[in-house]
Amino acid sequence: MYVCRLIILCLFFLVSTDLYANSCARAPNKIGKIDRVHFDNDFNYLSFVLVDYPYDWMLISPDYGIDKSYGKVMTAIVLTAYVTGSDVYVGYCEGDGHVNKVRISYKT
């Protein structure tokens, strides 16, 4: 079980490095529904994927971890949008996939 988790974690990091690097280069500001959400105890921030960008994992910036007020609000917005199926606007996405702004929005 431990080996399986370790392999999955290693594959995630190997694959996600390129995905994070490319996730914001194609479209720095994105609007869409959240398809998947991931949180890991080893890190202090949430990652998520939009339906229209299934391979572009985005991270709530580590500067705004869930232990900080702004990070808690961003995490709440992502989870609310995920549960309700609302569109979310992702802004200020850096080249490494770190997101500094998230808001529930509508497609334009």
N, C-alpha and C. Protein backbone atom coordinates (compact mmCIF):
# COMPACT_ATOMS: atom_id res chain seq x y z
N MET A 1 0.83 -1.19 0.00
CA MET A 1 0.00 0.00 0.00
C MET A 1 0.87 1.25 0.00
N TYR A 2 1.90 1.26 0.86
CA TYR A 2 2.80 2.41 0.95
C TYR A 2 3.55 2.61 -0.37
N VAL A 3 4.01 1.51 -0.97
CA VAL A 3 4.74 1.59 -2.23
C VAL A 3 3.84 2.12 -3.34
N CYS A 4 2.60 1.68 -3.35
CA CYS A 4 1.64 2.14 -4.35
C CYS A 4 1.43 3.65 -4.23
N ARG A 5 1.25 4.14 -3.02
CA ARG A 5 1.07 5.57 -2.81
C ARG A 5 2.31 6.35 -3.24
N LEU A 6 3.47 5.80 -2.93
CA LEU A 6 4.72 6.45 -3.30
C LEU A 6 4.88 6.53 -4.81
N ILE A 7 4.54 5.46 -5.50
CA ILE A 7 4.61 5.45 -6.96
C ILE A 7 3.65 6.46 -7.55
N ILE A 8 2.43 6.50 -7.05
CA ILE A 8 1.44 7.46 -7.54
C ILE A 8 1.91 8.88 -7.29
N LEU A 9 2.45 9.14 -6.13
CA LEU A 9 2.95 10.47 -5.81
C LEU A 9 4.10 10.86 -6.73
N CYS A 10 5.02 9.95 -6.98
CA CYS A 10 6.14 10.23 -7.89
C CYS A 10 5.65 10.51 -9.30
N LEU A 11 4.72 9.71 -9.78
CA LEU A 11 4.16 9.93 -11.11
C LEU A 11 3.44 11.27 -11.19
N PHE A 12 2.72 11.61 -10.13
CA PHE A 12 2.03 12.89 -10.10
C PHE A 12 3.02 14.03 -10.25
N PHE A 13 4.12 13.98 -9.52
CA PHE A 13 5.11 15.06 -9.60
C PHE A 13 5.81 15.08 -10.95
N LEU A 14 6.12 13.91 -11.49
CA LEU A 14 6.78 13.89 -12.79
C LEU A 14 5.89 14.44 -13.89
N VAL A 15 4.63 14.05 -13.88
CA VAL A 15 3.70 14.50 -14.90
C VAL A 15 3.27 15.94 -14.65
N SER A 16 3.01 16.28 -13.41
CA SER A 16 2.46 17.60 -13.12
C SER A 16 3.46 18.72 -13.33
N THR A 17 4.74 18.43 -13.29
CA THR A 17 5.72 19.49 -13.50
C THR A 17 5.51 20.15 -14.84
N ASP A 18 5.39 19.36 -15.89
CA ASP A 18 5.14 19.93 -17.21
C ASP A 18 3.76 20.55 -17.30
N LEU A 19 2.79 19.92 -16.67
CA LEU A 19 1.43 20.45 -16.74
C LEU A 19 1.33 21.78 -16.03
N TYR A 20 1.94 21.90 -14.87
CA TYR A 20 1.92 23.18 -14.17
C TYR A 20 2.63 24.24 -15.00
N ALA A 21 3.75 23.86 -15.57
CA ALA A 21 4.52 24.84 -16.34
C ALA A 21 3.73 25.33 -17.54
N ASN A 22 2.90 24.48 -18.11
CA ASN A 22 2.15 24.86 -19.30
C ASN A 22 0.74 25.35 -19.00
N SER A 23 0.25 25.13 -17.80
CA SER A 23 -1.16 25.37 -17.52
C SER A 23 -1.57 26.82 -17.67
N CYS A 24 -0.69 27.74 -17.37
CA CYS A 24 -1.06 29.15 -17.46
C CYS A 24 -0.51 29.82 -18.70
N ALA A 25 0.44 29.19 -19.35
CA ALA A 25 1.04 29.81 -20.54
C ALA A 25 0.02 29.93 -21.66
N ARG A 26 -0.86 28.94 -21.79
CA ARG A 26 -1.85 28.95 -22.87
C ARG A 26 -2.99 29.92 -22.60
N ALA A 27 -3.36 30.06 -21.37
CA ALA A 27 -4.49 30.93 -21.02
C ALA A 27 -4.32 31.38 -19.57
N PRO A 28 -3.70 32.54 -19.34
CA PRO A 28 -3.44 32.96 -17.97
C PRO A 28 -4.70 33.21 -17.14
N ASN A 29 -5.78 33.61 -17.77
CA ASN A 29 -7.06 33.81 -17.07
C ASN A 29 -8.06 32.83 -17.67
N LYS A 30 -8.68 32.03 -16.83
CA LYS A 30 -9.58 30.98 -17.32
C LYS A 30 -10.92 31.08 -16.61
N ILE A 31 -11.97 30.65 -17.32
CA ILE A 31 -13.31 30.55 -16.74
C ILE A 31 -13.84 29.16 -17.07
N GLY A 32 -14.41 28.49 -16.08
CA GLY A 32 -15.00 27.19 -16.32
C GLY A 32 -15.43 26.51 -15.04
N LYS A 33 -15.98 25.32 -15.20
CA LYS A 33 -16.41 24.53 -14.05
C LYS A 33 -15.23 23.71 -13.54
N ILE A 34 -15.21 23.51 -12.23
CA ILE A 34 -14.13 22.73 -11.62
C ILE A 34 -14.46 21.25 -11.76
N ASP A 35 -13.51 20.50 -12.31
CA ASP A 35 -13.70 19.08 -12.56
C ASP A 35 -13.18 18.22 -11.41
N ARG A 36 -11.99 18.55 -10.91
CA ARG A 36 -11.37 17.77 -9.84
C ARG A 36 -10.70 18.70 -8.85
N VAL A 37 -10.68 18.27 -7.59
CA VAL A 37 -10.03 19.03 -6.52
C VAL A 37 -9.13 18.06 -5.76
N HIS A 38 -7.96 18.54 -5.37
CA HIS A 38 -7.01 17.68 -4.66
C HIS A 38 -6.36 18.47 -3.52
N PHE A 39 -6.26 17.83 -2.37
CA PHE A 39 -5.52 18.42 -1.25
C PHE A 39 -4.63 17.35 -0.66
N ASP A 40 -3.42 17.71 -0.34
CA ASP A 40 -2.45 16.77 0.22
C ASP A 40 -1.93 17.33 1.53
N ASN A 41 -1.86 16.51 2.55
CA ASN A 41 -1.37 16.96 3.85
C ASN A 41 0.09 17.41 3.82
N ASP A 42 0.85 16.93 2.84
CA ASP A 42 2.25 17.33 2.74
C ASP A 42 2.40 18.78 2.29
N PHE A 43 1.37 19.29 1.66
CA PHE A 43 1.38 20.67 1.20
C PHE A 43 0.28 21.42 1.93
N ASN A 44 0.30 22.71 1.83
CA ASN A 44 -0.66 23.51 2.59
C ASN A 44 -1.57 24.30 1.66
N TYR A 45 -1.85 23.73 0.50
CA TYR A 45 -2.70 24.42 -0.45
C TYR A 45 -3.46 23.42 -1.31
N LEU A 46 -4.50 23.90 -1.93
CA LEU A 46 -5.41 23.09 -2.73
C LEU A 46 -5.01 23.15 -4.20
N SER A 47 -5.19 22.06 -4.92
CA SER A 47 -5.00 22.08 -6.37
C SER A 47 -6.31 21.64 -7.02
N PHE A 48 -6.54 22.10 -8.25
CA PHE A 48 -7.79 21.80 -8.94
C PHE A 48 -7.61 21.86 -10.45
N VAL A 49 -8.60 21.31 -11.15
CA VAL A 49 -8.60 21.26 -12.62
C VAL A 49 -9.95 21.76 -13.10
N LEU A 50 -9.94 22.54 -14.18
CA LEU A 50 -11.19 22.96 -14.81
C LEU A 50 -11.59 21.95 -15.87
N VAL A 51 -12.89 21.81 -16.12
CA VAL A 51 -13.41 20.86 -17.09
C VAL A 51 -12.81 21.09 -18.47
N ASP A 52 -12.71 22.34 -18.90
CA ASP A 52 -12.20 22.66 -20.24
C ASP A 52 -10.69 22.52 -20.36
N TYR A 53 -10.00 22.36 -19.24
CA TYR A 53 -8.54 22.22 -19.23
C TYR A 53 -8.18 21.01 -18.37
N PRO A 54 -8.54 19.79 -18.81
CA PRO A 54 -8.45 18.61 -17.94
C PRO A 54 -7.03 18.21 -17.53
N TYR A 55 -6.02 18.68 -18.22
CA TYR A 55 -4.65 18.30 -17.88
C TYR A 55 -3.87 19.43 -17.23
N ASP A 56 -4.52 20.55 -16.99
CA ASP A 56 -3.84 21.73 -16.44
C ASP A 56 -4.16 21.90 -14.96
N TRP A 57 -3.42 21.21 -14.11
CA TRP A 57 -3.62 21.35 -12.67
C TRP A 57 -3.18 22.73 -12.24
N MET A 58 -4.01 23.39 -11.48
CA MET A 58 -3.69 24.71 -10.96
C MET A 58 -3.65 24.62 -9.44
N LEU A 59 -2.80 25.42 -8.84
CA LEU A 59 -2.63 25.41 -7.39
C LEU A 59 -3.00 26.77 -6.83
N ILE A 60 -3.71 26.75 -5.73
CA ILE A 60 -3.85 28.01 -5.00
C ILE A 60 -2.44 28.33 -4.51
N SER A 61 -1.99 29.52 -4.80
CA SER A 61 -0.61 29.90 -4.53
C SER A 61 -0.18 29.51 -3.11
N PRO A 62 0.99 28.90 -2.98
CA PRO A 62 1.49 28.56 -1.64
C PRO A 62 1.63 29.78 -0.73
N ASP A 63 1.68 30.96 -1.32
CA ASP A 63 1.71 32.19 -0.50
C ASP A 63 0.41 32.36 0.27
N TYR A 64 -0.65 31.68 -0.21
CA TYR A 64 -1.97 31.78 0.42
C TYR A 64 -2.43 30.40 0.88
N GLY A 65 -1.66 29.75 1.71
CA GLY A 65 -2.02 28.42 2.21
C GLY A 65 -3.31 28.46 3.01
N ILE A 66 -3.85 27.29 3.31
CA ILE A 66 -5.13 27.24 4.02
C ILE A 66 -5.02 27.71 5.46
N ASP A 67 -3.79 27.98 5.91
CA ASP A 67 -3.62 28.52 7.25
C ASP A 67 -3.67 30.05 7.27
N LYS A 68 -3.85 30.66 6.10
CA LYS A 68 -3.93 32.12 6.01
C LYS A 68 -5.34 32.52 5.58
N SER A 69 -5.79 33.68 5.97
CA SER A 69 -7.17 34.12 5.70
C SER A 69 -7.49 34.10 4.21
N TYR A 70 -6.62 34.67 3.39
CA TYR A 70 -6.88 34.74 1.95
C TYR A 70 -6.94 33.33 1.35
N GLY A 71 -6.06 32.46 1.81
CA GLY A 71 -6.06 31.08 1.32
C GLY A 71 -7.32 30.32 1.72
N LYS A 72 -7.83 30.59 2.91
CA LYS A 72 -9.09 29.96 3.35
C LYS A 72 -10.24 30.40 2.47
N VAL A 73 -10.27 31.68 2.14
CA VAL A 73 -11.35 32.20 1.28
C VAL A 73 -11.25 31.59 -0.11
N MET A 74 -10.04 31.54 -0.68
CA MET A 74 -9.87 30.94 -2.01
C MET A 74 -10.26 29.47 -2.01
N THR A 75 -9.88 28.75 -0.96
CA THR A 75 -10.24 27.34 -0.85
C THR A 75 -11.76 27.18 -0.75
N ALA A 76 -12.41 28.03 0.03
CA ALA A 76 -13.87 27.98 0.16
C ALA A 76 -14.55 28.26 -1.17
N ILE A 77 -14.03 29.21 -1.93
CA ILE A 77 -14.60 29.53 -3.25
C ILE A 77 -14.46 28.34 -4.19
N VAL A 78 -13.28 27.73 -4.23
CA VAL A 78 -13.06 26.58 -5.11
C VAL A 78 -13.99 25.44 -4.73
N LEU A 79 -14.10 25.13 -3.45
CA LEU A 79 -14.96 24.02 -3.01
C LEU A 79 -16.43 24.32 -3.24
N THR A 80 -16.85 25.57 -3.02
CA THR A 80 -18.24 25.95 -3.28
C THR A 80 -18.57 25.81 -4.75
N ALA A 81 -17.68 26.29 -5.61
CA ALA A 81 -17.91 26.18 -7.05
C ALA A 81 -17.93 24.73 -7.49
N TYR A 82 -17.08 23.91 -6.90
CA TYR A 82 -17.04 22.49 -7.24
C TYR A 82 -18.34 21.79 -6.86
N VAL A 83 -18.81 22.04 -5.65
CA VAL A 83 -20.02 21.38 -5.15
C VAL A 83 -21.27 21.85 -5.88
N THR A 84 -21.36 23.14 -6.18
CA THR A 84 -22.56 23.69 -6.82
C THR A 84 -22.52 23.61 -8.34
N GLY A 85 -21.36 23.31 -8.91
CA GLY A 85 -21.24 23.26 -10.37
C GLY A 85 -21.18 24.64 -11.00
N SER A 86 -20.87 25.65 -10.20
CA SER A 86 -20.79 27.02 -10.72
C SER A 86 -19.50 27.22 -11.50
N ASP A 87 -19.54 28.17 -12.44
CA ASP A 87 -18.33 28.55 -13.14
C ASP A 87 -17.44 29.34 -12.20
N VAL A 88 -16.15 29.20 -12.39
CA VAL A 88 -15.19 29.92 -11.58
C VAL A 88 -14.23 30.66 -12.51
N TYR A 89 -13.88 31.87 -12.13
CA TYR A 89 -12.88 32.66 -12.85
C TYR A 89 -11.55 32.48 -12.13
N VAL A 90 -10.54 32.07 -12.86
CA VAL A 90 -9.21 31.89 -12.30
C VAL A 90 -8.32 32.96 -12.92
N GLY A 91 -7.81 33.85 -12.08
CA GLY A 91 -6.99 34.94 -12.58
C GLY A 91 -5.61 34.97 -11.98
N TYR A 92 -4.76 35.72 -12.63
CA TYR A 92 -3.38 35.90 -12.19
C TYR A 92 -2.67 34.56 -12.03
N CYS A 93 -2.89 33.69 -12.99
CA CYS A 93 -2.27 32.37 -12.97
C CYS A 93 -0.83 32.51 -13.47
N GLU A 94 0.11 32.12 -12.64
CA GLU A 94 1.52 32.24 -12.99
C GLU A 94 1.95 31.05 -13.83
N GLY A 95 3.11 31.13 -14.44
CA GLY A 95 3.61 30.08 -15.31
C GLY A 95 3.76 28.73 -14.65
N ASP A 96 3.90 28.70 -13.34
CA ASP A 96 4.06 27.43 -12.63
C ASP A 96 2.74 26.85 -12.17
N GLY A 97 1.63 27.45 -12.58
CA GLY A 97 0.31 26.95 -12.21
C GLY A 97 -0.24 27.52 -10.92
N HIS A 98 0.49 28.42 -10.28
CA HIS A 98 0.02 29.02 -9.04
C HIS A 98 -1.00 30.11 -9.32
N VAL A 99 -2.13 30.02 -8.65
CA VAL A 99 -3.25 30.93 -8.86
C VAL A 99 -3.32 31.91 -7.68
N ASN A 100 -3.46 33.18 -8.01
CA ASN A 100 -3.54 34.21 -6.97
C ASN A 100 -4.93 34.82 -6.85
N LYS A 101 -5.85 34.42 -7.72
CA LYS A 101 -7.21 34.99 -7.67
C LYS A 101 -8.21 33.96 -8.19
N VAL A 102 -9.27 33.74 -7.43
CA VAL A 102 -10.35 32.84 -7.83
C VAL A 102 -11.66 33.49 -7.41
N ARG A 103 -12.63 33.47 -8.32
CA ARG A 103 -13.96 33.98 -7.94
C ARG A 103 -15.02 33.20 -8.70
N ILE A 104 -16.18 33.04 -8.06
CA ILE A 104 -17.32 32.40 -8.73
C ILE A 104 -17.82 33.41 -9.75
N SER A 105 -18.03 32.95 -10.97
CA SER A 105 -18.32 33.86 -12.07
C SER A 105 -19.30 33.23 -13.03
N TYR A 106 -19.37 33.80 -14.19
CA TYR A 106 -20.19 33.27 -15.27
C TYR A 106 -19.38 33.37 -16.55
N LYS A 107 -19.70 32.52 -17.52
CA LYS A 107 -18.99 32.57 -18.80
C LYS A 107 -19.45 33.78 -19.58
N THR A 108 -18.49 34.42 -20.25
CA THR A 108 -18.84 35.58 -21.07
C THR A 108 -18.70 35.25 -22.53
